[in-house]
């Protein structure tokens, strides 16, 4: 899992990680990554298969949908 922060400073992103105790890497100033994947809203979750192809794009935060998408990709 990789978090891409597109609109905060490095300090703000690090504070967020510290506060929420995330266990994954965060790319700061990831505007080019967001453009590459067609992200138009925050949050957007992009589930990528092992072969690098996009399996699912989920706009907004829906834990059940994200969980199901990740499990589906992991099972293949």
Protein backbone atom coordinates (compact mmCIF):
# COMPACT_ATOMS: atom_id res chain seq x y z
CA UNK A 1 0.00 0.00 0.00
CA UNK A 2 1.20 3.48 -0.84
CA UNK A 3 -0.39 6.76 0.13
CA UNK A 4 -0.06 9.69 -2.27
CA UNK A 5 -0.48 13.13 -0.72
CA UNK A 6 -1.20 15.73 -3.38
CA UNK A 7 -1.97 18.91 -1.51
CA UNK A 8 -0.11 19.15 1.79
CA UNK A 9 3.43 20.02 2.74
CA UNK A 10 5.85 17.30 3.81
CA UNK A 11 5.49 18.41 7.45
CA UNK A 12 1.69 18.20 7.27
CA UNK A 13 1.81 14.76 5.65
CA UNK A 14 4.21 13.47 8.31
CA UNK A 15 1.99 14.84 11.07
CA UNK A 16 -0.99 13.02 9.53
CA UNK A 17 0.99 9.75 9.45
CA UNK A 18 2.07 10.26 13.05
CA UNK A 19 -1.45 11.05 14.25
CA UNK A 20 -3.15 8.15 12.44
CA UNK A 21 -0.19 5.75 12.82
CA UNK A 22 -0.29 4.58 9.23
CA UNK A 23 2.01 1.68 8.48
CA UNK A 24 2.63 2.41 4.81
CA UNK A 25 4.77 4.76 2.77
CA UNK A 26 3.55 8.20 1.75
CA UNK A 27 4.58 9.99 -1.43
CA UNK A 28 4.37 13.75 -0.84
CA UNK A 29 3.61 16.24 -3.62
CA UNK A 30 2.32 13.42 -5.80
CA UNK A 31 0.47 15.61 -8.29
CA UNK A 32 2.00 13.81 -11.26
CA UNK A 33 0.95 10.44 -9.82
CA UNK A 34 -2.59 11.73 -9.36
CA UNK A 35 -2.66 12.95 -12.97
CA UNK A 36 -1.30 9.61 -14.24
CA UNK A 37 -4.13 7.71 -12.56
CA UNK A 38 -6.82 10.27 -13.40
CA UNK A 39 -7.55 11.22 -9.80
CA UNK A 40 -10.09 14.02 -9.66
CA UNK A 41 -11.29 13.77 -6.05
CA UNK A 42 -9.82 13.07 -2.65
CA UNK A 43 -9.71 10.42 -1.42
CA UNK A 44 -9.33 8.13 -4.40
CA UNK A 45 -8.10 4.58 -3.99
CA UNK A 46 -6.44 2.83 -6.93
CA UNK A 47 -6.10 -0.92 -6.54
CA UNK A 48 -3.29 -2.18 -8.78
CA UNK A 49 -2.76 -5.82 -9.69
CA UNK A 50 0.65 -7.51 -9.41
CA UNK A 51 1.11 -7.06 -13.17
CA UNK A 52 0.83 -3.27 -12.72
CA UNK A 53 -2.61 -2.92 -14.31
CA UNK A 54 -5.39 -1.04 -12.57
CA UNK A 55 -7.97 -3.42 -11.11
CA UNK A 56 -10.30 -0.83 -9.58
CA UNK A 57 -10.60 2.91 -8.93
CA UNK A 58 -12.72 3.86 -5.93
CA UNK A 59 -13.56 7.51 -5.39
CA UNK A 60 -14.46 8.55 -1.87
CA UNK A 61 -13.90 6.31 1.11
CA UNK A 62 -15.94 3.14 1.42
CA UNK A 63 -14.06 0.67 3.59
CA UNK A 64 -16.17 -2.32 2.52
CA UNK A 65 -15.71 -1.65 -1.19
CA UNK A 66 -11.97 -1.08 -0.78
CA UNK A 67 -11.59 -4.22 1.34
CA UNK A 68 -13.46 -6.32 -1.23
CA UNK A 69 -11.37 -4.91 -4.10
CA UNK A 70 -8.07 -5.59 -2.34
CA UNK A 71 -9.14 -9.12 -1.38
CA UNK A 72 -10.24 -9.81 -4.93
CA UNK A 73 -6.88 -8.74 -6.35
CA UNK A 74 -4.91 -10.56 -3.64
CA UNK A 75 -6.78 -13.81 -4.35
CA UNK A 76 -5.65 -13.88 -7.99
